[in-house]
Amino acid sequence: MGRFERVVECLKRYKPEKIIVFGSYARGETDEYSDLDFVVIKKTNKRFLERLIEVAKLLDDDLGKVDVFVYTPREFREMMEQGNPFIEEVSKDGRIVYEEKGGET
């Protein structure tokens, strides 16, 4: 299993509704130094920083540079409606790599 697949498997343990890869990997512009960028969408009442800490604990130490941003479905939807440039980039260039059956988003 490659690095990308290993990261996705680690993120699935967080029980998200959706995992989206974005950035150079999603655009097919990677090289040996590329990091992996993900947005994870999950229903939770935890604060943003708490979510990031939880996800970081799931990632194996040998996976290299991985950036993960965790949003609730409502946060993601509201940022889309507000025209948030980061979320617009994720929506435009991102690829859904996992989606829970019956997910809200």
C-alpha atoms as a PDB file:
ATOM      1  CA  MET A   1       0.000   0.000   0.000  1.00  0.00           C
ATOM      2  CA  GLY A   2       1.397   3.398  -0.991  1.00  0.00           C
ATOM      3  CA  ARG A   3       1.701   6.487   1.184  1.00  0.00           C
ATOM      4  CA  PHE A   4      -1.499   8.070  -0.161  1.00  0.00           C
ATOM      5  CA  GLU A   5      -3.563   4.931   0.496  1.00  0.00           C
ATOM      6  CA  ARG A   6      -2.070   4.586   3.983  1.00  0.00           C
ATOM      7  CA  VAL A   7      -3.060   8.157   4.867  1.00  0.00           C
ATOM      8  CA  VAL A   8      -6.614   7.613   3.595  1.00  0.00           C
ATOM      9  CA  GLU A   9      -6.889   4.405   5.660  1.00  0.00           C
ATOM     10  CA  CYS A  10      -5.705   6.293   8.764  1.00  0.00           C
ATOM     11  CA  LEU A  11      -8.251   9.062   8.130  1.00  0.00           C
ATOM     12  CA  LYS A  12     -11.072   6.537   7.715  1.00  0.00           C
ATOM     13  CA  ARG A  13     -10.505   5.510  11.352  1.00  0.00           C
ATOM     14  CA  TYR A  14     -11.769   8.999  12.272  1.00  0.00           C
ATOM     15  CA  LYS A  15     -15.167   7.922  10.870  1.00  0.00           C
ATOM     16  CA  PRO A  16     -15.665  10.910   8.545  1.00  0.00           C
ATOM     17  CA  GLU A  17     -18.539  11.527   6.185  1.00  0.00           C
ATOM     18  CA  LYS A  18     -16.141  12.551   3.440  1.00  0.00           C
ATOM     19  CA  ILE A  19     -12.415  12.766   2.704  1.00  0.00           C
ATOM     20  CA  ILE A  20     -11.251  15.141  -0.041  1.00  0.00           C
ATOM     21  CA  VAL A  21      -7.692  15.345  -1.343  1.00  0.00           C
ATOM     22  CA  PHE A  22      -6.706  18.712  -2.800  1.00  0.00           C
ATOM     23  CA  GLY A  23      -3.597  20.532  -3.925  1.00  0.00           C
ATOM     24  CA  SER A  24      -0.802  19.098  -6.050  1.00  0.00           C
ATOM     25  CA  TYR A  25      -1.827  15.481  -5.482  1.00  0.00           C
ATOM     26  CA  ALA A  26      -5.387  16.098  -6.674  1.00  0.00           C
ATOM     27  CA  ARG A  27      -4.066  17.963  -9.721  1.00  0.00           C
ATOM     28  CA  GLY A  28      -1.593  15.180 -10.557  1.00  0.00           C
ATOM     29  CA  GLU A  29       1.400  17.486 -10.095  1.00  0.00           C
ATOM     30  CA  THR A  30       3.316  15.576  -7.435  1.00  0.00           C
ATOM     31  CA  ASP A  31       6.970  14.854  -7.016  1.00  0.00           C
ATOM     32  CA  GLU A  32       8.962  13.047  -4.335  1.00  0.00           C
ATOM     33  CA  TYR A  33       8.754  16.097  -2.031  1.00  0.00           C
ATOM     34  CA  SER A  34       5.015  16.733  -2.341  1.00  0.00           C
ATOM     35  CA  ASP A  35       2.913  16.862   0.768  1.00  0.00           C
ATOM     36  CA  LEU A  36      -0.592  15.449   0.989  1.00  0.00           C
ATOM     37  CA  ASP A  37      -3.470  17.858   1.627  1.00  0.00           C
ATOM     38  CA  PHE A  38      -6.879  16.713   2.832  1.00  0.00           C
ATOM     39  CA  VAL A  39     -10.180  18.137   3.972  1.00  0.00           C
ATOM     40  CA  VAL A  40     -12.168  15.813   6.203  1.00  0.00           C
ATOM     41  CA  ILE A  41     -15.864  16.419   6.770  1.00  0.00           C
ATOM     42  CA  LYS A  42     -17.317  14.967   9.963  1.00  0.00           C
ATOM     43  CA  LYS A  43     -20.256  15.618  12.244  1.00  0.00           C
ATOM     44  CA  THR A  44     -18.802  16.609  15.603  1.00  0.00           C
ATOM     45  CA  ASN A  45     -19.254  19.100  18.418  1.00  0.00           C
ATOM     46  CA  LYS A  46     -15.517  19.368  19.063  1.00  0.00           C
ATOM     47  CA  ARG A  47     -13.652  22.605  18.433  1.00  0.00           C
ATOM     48  CA  PHE A  48     -11.507  22.982  15.315  1.00  0.00           C
ATOM     49  CA  LEU A  49      -8.157  22.560  17.114  1.00  0.00           C
ATOM     50  CA  GLU A  50      -9.400  19.523  19.030  1.00  0.00           C
ATOM     51  CA  ARG A  51     -10.340  17.905  15.726  1.00  0.00           C
ATOM     52  CA  LEU A  52      -6.889  18.553  14.266  1.00  0.00           C
ATOM     53  CA  ILE A  53      -5.234  17.002  17.312  1.00  0.00           C
ATOM     54  CA  GLU A  54      -7.473  13.923  17.091  1.00  0.00           C
ATOM     55  CA  VAL A  55      -6.618  13.415  13.421  1.00  0.00           C
ATOM     56  CA  ALA A  56      -2.892  13.976  13.991  1.00  0.00           C
ATOM     57  CA  LYS A  57      -2.910  11.154  16.557  1.00  0.00           C
ATOM     58  CA  LEU A  58      -4.309   8.769  13.922  1.00  0.00           C
ATOM     59  CA  LEU A  59      -1.567   9.425  11.372  1.00  0.00           C
ATOM     60  CA  ASP A  60       1.499   7.199  11.448  1.00  0.00           C
ATOM     61  CA  ASP A  61       4.786   9.022  12.068  1.00  0.00           C
ATOM     62  CA  ASP A  62       6.392   7.747   8.862  1.00  0.00           C
ATOM     63  CA  LEU A  63       3.783   9.206   6.482  1.00  0.00           C
ATOM     64  CA  GLY A  64       5.695  12.403   5.774  1.00  0.00           C
ATOM     65  CA  LYS A  65       4.115  15.836   5.450  1.00  0.00           C
ATOM     66  CA  VAL A  66       0.330  15.571   5.642  1.00  0.00           C
ATOM     67  CA  ASP A  67      -2.014  18.537   6.158  1.00  0.00           C
ATOM     68  CA  VAL A  68      -5.557  17.767   7.276  1.00  0.00           C
ATOM     69  CA  PHE A  69      -8.355  20.264   7.906  1.00  0.00           C
ATOM     70  CA  VAL A  70     -11.503  18.971   9.612  1.00  0.00           C
ATOM     71  CA  TYR A  71     -14.826  20.735   9.122  1.00  0.00           C
ATOM     72  CA  THR A  72     -18.377  19.869  10.047  1.00  0.00           C
ATOM     73  CA  PRO A  73     -20.857  19.557   7.160  1.00  0.00           C
ATOM     74  CA  ARG A  74     -22.456  22.819   8.291  1.00  0.00           C
ATOM     75  CA  GLU A  75     -19.127  24.696   8.441  1.00  0.00           C
ATOM     76  CA  PHE A  76     -18.140  23.469   4.989  1.00  0.00           C
ATOM     77  CA  ARG A  77     -21.527  24.384   3.501  1.00  0.00           C
ATOM     78  CA  GLU A  78     -21.532  27.852   5.117  1.00  0.00           C
ATOM     79  CA  MET A  79     -18.001  28.611   3.914  1.00  0.00           C
ATOM     80  CA  MET A  80     -19.026  27.589   0.389  1.00  0.00           C
ATOM     81  CA  GLU A  81     -22.036  29.908   0.563  1.00  0.00           C
ATOM     82  CA  GLN A  82     -19.806  32.759   1.810  1.00  0.00           C
ATOM     83  CA  GLY A  83     -17.363  32.274  -1.066  1.00  0.00           C
ATOM     84  CA  ASN A  84     -14.400  31.270   1.121  1.00  0.00           C
ATOM     85  CA  PRO A  85     -11.434  31.116  -1.318  1.00  0.00           C
ATOM     86  CA  PHE A  86      -9.844  28.097   0.379  1.00  0.00           C
ATOM     87  CA  ILE A  87     -13.064  26.071   0.300  1.00  0.00           C
ATOM     88  CA  GLU A  88     -13.709  27.153  -3.298  1.00  0.00           C
ATOM     89  CA  GLU A  89     -10.246  25.828  -4.250  1.00  0.00           C
ATOM     90  CA  VAL A  90     -10.942  22.541  -2.465  1.00  0.00           C
ATOM     91  CA  SER A  91     -14.293  22.241  -4.239  1.00  0.00           C
ATOM     92  CA  LYS A  92     -12.806  23.091  -7.640  1.00  0.00           C
ATOM     93  CA  ASP A  93      -9.572  21.080  -7.580  1.00  0.00           C
ATOM     94  CA  GLY A  94     -10.303  18.503  -4.890  1.00  0.00           C
ATOM     95  CA  ARG A  95     -11.124  14.843  -5.425  1.00  0.00           C
ATOM     96  CA  ILE A  96     -13.392  12.892  -3.104  1.00  0.00           C
ATOM     97  CA  VAL A  97     -11.434   9.802  -2.070  1.00  0.00           C
ATOM     98  CA  TYR A  98     -13.896   8.483   0.509  1.00  0.00           C
ATOM     99  CA  GLU A  99     -17.574   9.082   1.140  1.00  0.00           C
ATOM    100  CA  GLU A 100     -19.657   7.458   3.834  1.00  0.00           C
ATOM    101  CA  LYS A 101     -22.813   5.865   2.523  1.00  0.00           C
ATOM    102  CA  GLY A 102     -25.720   8.184   3.255  1.00  0.00           C
ATOM    103  CA  GLY A 103     -23.451  11.133   4.166  1.00  0.00           C
ATOM    104  CA  GLU A 104     -25.021  14.584   4.441  1.00  0.00           C
ATOM    105  CA  THR A 105     -22.567  16.585   2.298  1.00  0.00           C
END
